Structure formats: structure tokens, C-alpha cells
Amino acid sequence: MRTQRFGFFLFVLLFTVTLTLGTSTQSGERGPIKPGAREKCPVCGMFVARYPDWGAEILFKDGSRAFFDGAKDMFKYYIDLKRYNPSKTMNDIDSIYVTDYYDLAWIDGNKAFYVIGSDVYGPMGRELIPFKEEAGAKDFLKDHKGKSILKFKEVTPEVVKTLDD
């Protein structure tokens, strides 16, 4: 009798743990992670971990990730996903993260404010500088001679190209 109760308890415990783990990954609760020392940017080939203050990441629904050494390369990848990752489509993207310039925390790349044309350069030169709050972006724009503040959908291939010219 005691063995049966222990077996039932063990079954309930394992079932609960399995159910909990399964629902947390299915509900989009996964967040950004620190890239490993060997992770390379798929756009430029630089080792991403060397530039933690500039990091960006795209998380796919299947759990795979792409790490970048800055928002500019992340946008290049995103805009031309078919070139950089032919096995993925836009529908495969779960979330996008960038690093806030001031507090160096991961933020939602889709909700961030990006300053372009400033006197601050990233690992790949001119960069889109991300901010969680518009007020921070406005302060930075003024302090660093930025040209404009853009939302995610306003970052076009033409905008990204001007950063490399």
C-alpha cells in the first residue's frame, strides 16, 4: 500500500512538472539569454559576447536564436531573413530583443525607440541606438547630435543602408 501511494505521488509530481514546463515554453515566456563565447553574428561574423553592451537577439518559436553585435546587424538580418536564414520566415519569429543604451538591459526590440545619426558608434560603426523609453531617446538625440528617433516599423532597408554609407 505504501509503495502504491509513493508511486502515485511520484507520478503526480512528474506529471505536474512536465505540464508546467510544457506550458511555460509554449506561452512565449522565453526571454533573451547571454550569448556564449563562440556565438557569432550571422551578418558580420564577429563574436557577439565581446560586445555585451550592444547585443541584440532574435528568438524563434522553435527555441533557436540568432545573436548580433548590434541592432544594425539585427535589422539587416531581419529585413533580409531569407538570405541569412533561408529555413526561417517572419512567422517563425517569437521575439526580438535589443540592449537599452543607458541601462544595458534587454528590452523588447519591437517596442524600442532607435536613434540614428548620432556621434556614438557601435562595434560595426554607425548604429541604431536602442532605448526603452522615448524620453531617454530624446535626451540622447540632443546630447549626441542624433538625426532622428525611429520605431521598429520605421527602420527600413534604406535607413539601414545609410548607416553603412
Foldseek 3Di string as FASTA:
>chain_A
DVVVVVVVVVVVVVVVVVVVVVVCLQVLVDDDDQDDQCAAALQPGDRQNVQLLAKKKWAFSVGDIGIDNHVLSVVVCVQPVCVSPVVDDPNRTSFMWTAANPPRDIDGLQQWKWFFDFPDATPVGGHTHTHNDVVVVVVRCVVGVTDDIDGPVPCDPVNSVVRVD
